Amino acid sequence: MQCCGLFSYRDWEDSIPDTCLCSGAEEMAGICQNVYTARLEQKVIYTKTCFPILLHYVLLFVDIMIGVFFTLAVLALLGLALSSVMIHQMRHALRAPAMTVPVIFSAMPPKYEELKNPPEY
């Protein structure tokens, strides 16, 4: 991720890991800095800290989870509404239905004999 330490490279004190060290090409790009450890060793490390990068990925994960949660909540409410309408129609069968199916879909399906022995055209 090209970062070093959660808040600073000083988080590692004197034992800066190899993952913090820059290569020659990255050093030329200007994303590195020279630091001196307590043993007076010069090391070239990344200047960026890891906290903002990790925070970005955590917030991205939270956004995705919130989206999934609200999508499932909307589907649950839709199922609740449709099942309530269906229960109402079953309890009060003599009343006019609250929701009707369009005429296009209310045609009876073909009988078994018609499927097995289709009419000759």
N, C-alpha and C. Protein backbone atom coordinates (compact mmCIF):
# COMPACT_ATOMS: atom_id res chain seq x y z
N MET A 1 0.82 -1.20 0.00
CA MET A 1 0.00 0.00 0.00
C MET A 1 0.86 1.26 0.00
N GLN A 2 2.15 1.08 0.01
CA GLN A 2 3.11 2.18 -0.02
C GLN A 2 2.87 3.17 1.12
N CYS A 3 2.83 2.62 2.34
CA CYS A 3 2.68 3.45 3.53
C CYS A 3 3.56 2.88 4.63
N CYS A 4 3.78 3.67 5.66
CA CYS A 4 4.65 3.23 6.75
C CYS A 4 4.09 3.72 8.08
N GLY A 5 3.71 2.79 8.94
CA GLY A 5 3.21 3.12 10.26
C GLY A 5 1.76 3.57 10.23
N LEU A 6 1.08 3.38 11.33
CA LEU A 6 -0.32 3.78 11.38
C LEU A 6 -0.45 5.30 11.36
N PHE A 7 0.35 5.98 12.18
CA PHE A 7 0.28 7.44 12.21
C PHE A 7 1.59 8.09 11.77
N SER A 8 2.69 7.35 11.83
CA SER A 8 3.99 7.88 11.43
C SER A 8 4.98 6.72 11.38
N TYR A 9 6.09 6.94 10.75
CA TYR A 9 7.12 5.90 10.74
C TYR A 9 7.70 5.71 12.14
N ARG A 10 7.48 6.66 13.02
CA ARG A 10 7.98 6.56 14.39
C ARG A 10 7.21 5.52 15.22
N ASP A 11 6.07 5.04 14.68
CA ASP A 11 5.34 3.97 15.36
C ASP A 11 6.21 2.73 15.52
N TRP A 12 7.16 2.54 14.61
CA TRP A 12 8.02 1.36 14.62
C TRP A 12 9.27 1.57 15.50
N GLU A 13 9.46 2.76 16.00
CA GLU A 13 10.64 3.14 16.79
C GLU A 13 11.91 2.85 15.98
N ASP A 14 12.79 1.97 16.45
CA ASP A 14 14.05 1.73 15.75
C ASP A 14 13.98 0.57 14.77
N SER A 15 12.96 -0.25 14.86
CA SER A 15 12.89 -1.44 14.00
C SER A 15 11.91 -1.21 12.85
N ILE A 16 12.26 -0.35 11.92
CA ILE A 16 11.42 -0.07 10.76
C ILE A 16 11.43 -1.29 9.84
N PRO A 17 10.26 -1.86 9.52
CA PRO A 17 10.24 -3.09 8.70
C PRO A 17 10.62 -2.80 7.24
N ASP A 18 10.92 -3.88 6.55
CA ASP A 18 11.32 -3.76 5.14
C ASP A 18 10.17 -3.29 4.25
N THR A 19 8.93 -3.48 4.69
CA THR A 19 7.79 -3.03 3.88
C THR A 19 7.70 -1.52 3.81
N CYS A 20 8.37 -0.83 4.72
CA CYS A 20 8.37 0.63 4.71
C CYS A 20 9.45 1.21 3.79
N LEU A 21 10.39 0.39 3.39
CA LEU A 21 11.51 0.89 2.60
C LEU A 21 11.12 1.08 1.14
N CYS A 22 11.62 2.15 0.54
CA CYS A 22 11.32 2.48 -0.85
C CYS A 22 12.37 1.86 -1.77
N SER A 23 11.96 1.64 -3.00
CA SER A 23 12.91 1.21 -4.02
C SER A 23 13.44 2.46 -4.73
N GLY A 24 14.38 2.26 -5.63
CA GLY A 24 14.99 3.40 -6.31
C GLY A 24 14.00 4.18 -7.17
N ALA A 25 13.10 3.48 -7.87
CA ALA A 25 12.14 4.16 -8.75
C ALA A 25 11.15 4.98 -7.93
N GLU A 26 10.72 4.45 -6.80
CA GLU A 26 9.77 5.17 -5.95
C GLU A 26 10.44 6.38 -5.30
N GLU A 27 11.72 6.26 -5.03
CA GLU A 27 12.45 7.38 -4.45
C GLU A 27 12.52 8.54 -5.42
N MET A 28 12.66 8.22 -6.70
CA MET A 28 12.70 9.26 -7.73
C MET A 28 11.32 9.90 -7.92
N ALA A 29 10.25 9.15 -7.63
CA ALA A 29 8.89 9.68 -7.81
C ALA A 29 8.52 10.69 -6.73
N GLY A 30 9.28 10.74 -5.65
CA GLY A 30 9.03 11.74 -4.62
C GLY A 30 8.06 11.31 -3.54
N ILE A 31 7.81 9.98 -3.42
CA ILE A 31 6.89 9.52 -2.38
C ILE A 31 7.64 8.98 -1.17
N CYS A 32 8.96 9.24 -1.12
CA CYS A 32 9.80 8.72 -0.03
C CYS A 32 10.54 9.86 0.65
N GLN A 33 11.07 9.54 1.83
CA GLN A 33 11.87 10.53 2.57
C GLN A 33 13.02 9.81 3.26
N ASN A 34 14.08 10.51 3.52
CA ASN A 34 15.23 9.98 4.25
C ASN A 34 15.02 10.21 5.74
N VAL A 35 15.22 9.16 6.54
CA VAL A 35 15.12 9.28 7.99
C VAL A 35 16.35 8.64 8.61
N TYR A 36 16.63 9.06 9.81
CA TYR A 36 17.74 8.47 10.57
C TYR A 36 17.17 7.79 11.80
N THR A 37 17.57 6.56 12.02
CA THR A 37 17.12 5.83 13.19
C THR A 37 17.99 6.21 14.39
N ALA A 38 17.69 5.63 15.55
CA ALA A 38 18.46 5.93 16.76
C ALA A 38 19.89 5.43 16.64
N ARG A 39 20.10 4.42 15.79
CA ARG A 39 21.45 3.90 15.57
C ARG A 39 22.18 4.68 14.49
N LEU A 40 21.61 5.82 14.10
CA LEU A 40 22.16 6.69 13.06
C LEU A 40 22.28 6.00 11.71
N GLU A 41 21.32 5.13 11.43
CA GLU A 41 21.25 4.50 10.11
C GLU A 41 20.31 5.33 9.25
N GLN A 42 20.70 5.55 8.02
CA GLN A 42 19.83 6.29 7.11
C GLN A 42 18.97 5.29 6.36
N LYS A 43 17.67 5.53 6.36
CA LYS A 43 16.74 4.67 5.63
C LYS A 43 15.83 5.55 4.78
N VAL A 44 15.46 5.03 3.63
CA VAL A 44 14.53 5.72 2.74
C VAL A 44 13.19 5.02 2.86
N ILE A 45 12.19 5.71 3.41
CA ILE A 45 10.89 5.10 3.69
C ILE A 45 9.77 5.92 3.04
N TYR A 46 8.59 5.32 3.00
CA TYR A 46 7.41 6.00 2.46
C TYR A 46 6.97 7.13 3.39
N THR A 47 6.50 8.22 2.82
CA THR A 47 6.05 9.36 3.63
C THR A 47 4.60 9.20 4.07
N LYS A 48 3.80 8.47 3.30
CA LYS A 48 2.38 8.32 3.60
C LYS A 48 2.17 7.43 4.82
N THR A 49 1.18 7.78 5.64
CA THR A 49 0.82 6.92 6.77
C THR A 49 -0.29 5.97 6.35
N CYS A 50 -0.46 4.88 7.10
CA CYS A 50 -1.41 3.83 6.71
C CYS A 50 -2.83 4.07 7.23
N PHE A 51 -2.99 4.93 8.22
CA PHE A 51 -4.32 5.13 8.80
C PHE A 51 -5.36 5.62 7.79
N PRO A 52 -5.08 6.65 6.97
CA PRO A 52 -6.09 7.08 6.00
C PRO A 52 -6.44 6.01 4.97
N ILE A 53 -5.48 5.20 4.60
CA ILE A 53 -5.73 4.13 3.63
C ILE A 53 -6.63 3.07 4.25
N LEU A 54 -6.31 2.65 5.47
CA LEU A 54 -7.14 1.66 6.15
C LEU A 54 -8.54 2.20 6.43
N LEU A 55 -8.62 3.45 6.81
CA LEU A 55 -9.92 4.07 7.07
C LEU A 55 -10.78 4.09 5.80
N HIS A 56 -10.16 4.34 4.66
CA HIS A 56 -10.89 4.34 3.39
C HIS A 56 -11.51 2.97 3.12
N TYR A 57 -10.73 1.90 3.32
CA TYR A 57 -11.26 0.56 3.07
C TYR A 57 -12.31 0.16 4.09
N VAL A 58 -12.18 0.57 5.33
CA VAL A 58 -13.19 0.27 6.34
C VAL A 58 -14.50 0.98 6.00
N LEU A 59 -14.41 2.25 5.61
CA LEU A 59 -15.63 3.00 5.25
C LEU A 59 -16.28 2.45 3.98
N LEU A 60 -15.47 1.97 3.04
CA LEU A 60 -16.02 1.34 1.84
C LEU A 60 -16.79 0.08 2.20
N PHE A 61 -16.23 -0.73 3.11
CA PHE A 61 -16.91 -1.94 3.56
C PHE A 61 -18.22 -1.60 4.28
N VAL A 62 -18.19 -0.57 5.12
CA VAL A 62 -19.40 -0.16 5.85
C VAL A 62 -20.47 0.33 4.87
N ASP A 63 -20.07 1.09 3.84
CA ASP A 63 -21.03 1.56 2.84
C ASP A 63 -21.69 0.39 2.11
N ILE A 64 -20.91 -0.61 1.76
CA ILE A 64 -21.46 -1.78 1.08
C ILE A 64 -22.42 -2.53 1.99
N MET A 65 -22.06 -2.68 3.26
CA MET A 65 -22.94 -3.40 4.19
C MET A 65 -24.25 -2.64 4.43
N ILE A 66 -24.19 -1.32 4.50
CA ILE A 66 -25.41 -0.53 4.66
C ILE A 66 -26.30 -0.68 3.42
N GLY A 67 -25.71 -0.68 2.25
CA GLY A 67 -26.48 -0.87 1.02
C GLY A 67 -27.16 -2.22 0.99
N VAL A 68 -26.45 -3.28 1.38
CA VAL A 68 -27.04 -4.62 1.41
C VAL A 68 -28.16 -4.68 2.45
N PHE A 69 -27.93 -4.10 3.62
CA PHE A 69 -28.94 -4.11 4.67
C PHE A 69 -30.23 -3.42 4.23
N PHE A 70 -30.11 -2.23 3.65
CA PHE A 70 -31.32 -1.51 3.24
C PHE A 70 -32.02 -2.18 2.05
N THR A 71 -31.26 -2.81 1.17
CA THR A 71 -31.88 -3.55 0.08
C THR A 71 -32.70 -4.71 0.62
N LEU A 72 -32.13 -5.46 1.55
CA LEU A 72 -32.88 -6.57 2.14
C LEU A 72 -34.07 -6.08 2.96
N ALA A 73 -33.94 -4.93 3.60
CA ALA A 73 -35.06 -4.39 4.38
C ALA A 73 -36.22 -4.00 3.46
N VAL A 74 -35.90 -3.40 2.32
CA VAL A 74 -36.95 -3.02 1.37
C VAL A 74 -37.64 -4.27 0.82
N LEU A 75 -36.87 -5.32 0.51
CA LEU A 75 -37.48 -6.56 0.03
C LEU A 75 -38.35 -7.21 1.10
N ALA A 76 -37.93 -7.13 2.36
CA ALA A 76 -38.74 -7.69 3.44
C ALA A 76 -40.06 -6.92 3.59
N LEU A 77 -40.00 -5.61 3.50
CA LEU A 77 -41.24 -4.82 3.59
C LEU A 77 -42.17 -5.09 2.41
N LEU A 78 -41.61 -5.28 1.23
CA LEU A 78 -42.43 -5.61 0.06
C LEU A 78 -43.10 -6.97 0.26
N GLY A 79 -42.35 -7.94 0.78
CA GLY A 79 -42.94 -9.26 1.06
C GLY A 79 -44.02 -9.18 2.12
N LEU A 80 -43.80 -8.34 3.13
CA LEU A 80 -44.80 -8.15 4.19
C LEU A 80 -46.08 -7.57 3.61
N ALA A 81 -45.95 -6.57 2.76
CA ALA A 81 -47.14 -5.94 2.17
C ALA A 81 -47.90 -6.93 1.28
N LEU A 82 -47.18 -7.66 0.45
CA LEU A 82 -47.86 -8.60 -0.44
C LEU A 82 -48.51 -9.75 0.34
N SER A 83 -47.85 -10.26 1.36
CA SER A 83 -48.46 -11.34 2.15
C SER A 83 -49.67 -10.82 2.95
N SER A 84 -49.62 -9.58 3.41
CA SER A 84 -50.78 -9.02 4.11
C SER A 84 -51.98 -8.89 3.18
N VAL A 85 -51.74 -8.47 1.96
CA VAL A 85 -52.83 -8.37 0.98
C VAL A 85 -53.40 -9.75 0.67
N MET A 86 -52.52 -10.74 0.54
CA MET A 86 -52.98 -12.09 0.24
C MET A 86 -53.78 -12.68 1.41
N ILE A 87 -53.35 -12.44 2.63
CA ILE A 87 -54.10 -12.93 3.80
C ILE A 87 -55.46 -12.24 3.87
N HIS A 88 -55.51 -10.94 3.59
CA HIS A 88 -56.78 -10.22 3.58
C HIS A 88 -57.73 -10.79 2.54
N GLN A 89 -57.22 -11.10 1.36
CA GLN A 89 -58.07 -11.66 0.30
C GLN A 89 -58.58 -13.05 0.66
N MET A 90 -57.76 -13.82 1.37
CA MET A 90 -58.20 -15.18 1.76
C MET A 90 -59.25 -15.12 2.87
N ARG A 91 -59.15 -14.17 3.79
CA ARG A 91 -60.12 -14.07 4.88
C ARG A 91 -61.45 -13.50 4.43
N HIS A 92 -61.40 -12.62 3.47
CA HIS A 92 -62.63 -11.98 2.97
C HIS A 92 -62.81 -12.32 1.50
N ALA A 93 -63.10 -13.58 1.23
CA ALA A 93 -63.18 -14.05 -0.14
C ALA A 93 -64.38 -13.47 -0.89
N LEU A 94 -65.46 -13.07 -0.19
CA LEU A 94 -66.65 -12.58 -0.87
C LEU A 94 -66.52 -11.12 -1.28
N ARG A 95 -65.61 -10.38 -0.68
CA ARG A 95 -65.40 -8.98 -1.05
C ARG A 95 -64.65 -8.89 -2.37
N ALA A 96 -64.70 -7.71 -2.94
CA ALA A 96 -63.91 -7.48 -4.15
C ALA A 96 -62.43 -7.53 -3.79
N PRO A 97 -61.62 -8.14 -4.62
CA PRO A 97 -60.20 -8.25 -4.29
C PRO A 97 -59.51 -6.89 -4.28
N ALA A 98 -58.54 -6.76 -3.38
CA ALA A 98 -57.79 -5.52 -3.29
C ALA A 98 -56.84 -5.37 -4.48
N MET A 99 -56.30 -6.47 -4.93
CA MET A 99 -55.40 -6.45 -6.09
C MET A 99 -55.88 -7.51 -7.06
N THR A 100 -55.92 -7.16 -8.31
CA THR A 100 -56.34 -8.13 -9.32
C THR A 100 -55.22 -8.35 -10.32
N VAL A 101 -55.27 -9.50 -10.95
CA VAL A 101 -54.28 -9.83 -11.99
C VAL A 101 -54.86 -9.34 -13.31
N PRO A 102 -54.05 -8.73 -14.16
CA PRO A 102 -54.58 -8.29 -15.45
C PRO A 102 -55.16 -9.44 -16.25
N VAL A 103 -56.11 -9.14 -17.15
CA VAL A 103 -56.82 -10.15 -17.93
C VAL A 103 -55.86 -10.97 -18.78
N ILE A 104 -54.80 -10.39 -19.19
CA ILE A 104 -53.82 -11.08 -20.03
C ILE A 104 -53.30 -12.34 -19.37
N PHE A 105 -53.16 -12.33 -18.04
CA PHE A 105 -52.57 -13.45 -17.33
C PHE A 105 -53.61 -14.38 -16.71
N SER A 106 -54.87 -14.07 -16.85
CA SER A 106 -55.88 -14.88 -16.17
C SER A 106 -56.43 -16.00 -17.07
N ALA A 107 -55.93 -16.16 -18.28
CA ALA A 107 -56.40 -17.24 -19.15
C ALA A 107 -55.98 -18.57 -18.55
N MET A 108 -56.84 -19.56 -18.72
CA MET A 108 -56.56 -20.89 -18.17
C MET A 108 -55.43 -21.54 -18.97
N PRO A 109 -54.55 -22.26 -18.29
CA PRO A 109 -53.48 -22.95 -19.02
C PRO A 109 -54.08 -24.10 -19.84
N PRO A 110 -53.38 -24.56 -20.85
CA PRO A 110 -53.93 -25.65 -21.69
C PRO A 110 -54.07 -26.93 -20.87
N LYS A 111 -55.06 -27.73 -21.27
CA LYS A 111 -55.30 -28.99 -20.58
C LYS A 111 -54.23 -30.00 -20.98
N TYR A 112 -54.12 -31.06 -20.19
CA TYR A 112 -53.08 -32.05 -20.44
C TYR A 112 -53.24 -32.69 -21.81
N GLU A 113 -54.49 -32.97 -22.19
CA GLU A 113 -54.73 -33.62 -23.49
C GLU A 113 -54.27 -32.72 -24.63
N GLU A 114 -54.45 -31.43 -24.48
CA GLU A 114 -54.03 -30.51 -25.53
C GLU A 114 -52.51 -30.44 -25.62
N LEU A 115 -51.83 -30.59 -24.49
CA LEU A 115 -50.38 -30.57 -24.52
C LEU A 115 -49.83 -31.87 -25.10
N LYS A 116 -50.45 -33.01 -24.74
CA LYS A 116 -49.98 -34.31 -25.21
C LYS A 116 -50.30 -34.51 -26.70
N ASN A 117 -51.52 -34.16 -27.09
CA ASN A 117 -51.96 -34.31 -28.47
C ASN A 117 -52.34 -32.95 -29.00
N PRO A 118 -51.38 -32.17 -29.51
CA PRO A 118 -51.73 -30.82 -29.98
C PRO A 118 -52.66 -30.89 -31.19
N PRO A 119 -53.54 -29.90 -31.33
CA PRO A 119 -54.47 -29.93 -32.49
C PRO A 119 -53.69 -29.79 -33.80
N GLU A 120 -54.22 -30.39 -34.80
CA GLU A 120 -53.60 -30.33 -36.14
C GLU A 120 -53.94 -28.98 -36.77
N TYR A 121 -52.95 -28.36 -37.35
CA TYR A 121 -53.17 -27.07 -38.01
C TYR A 121 -53.13 -27.22 -39.49
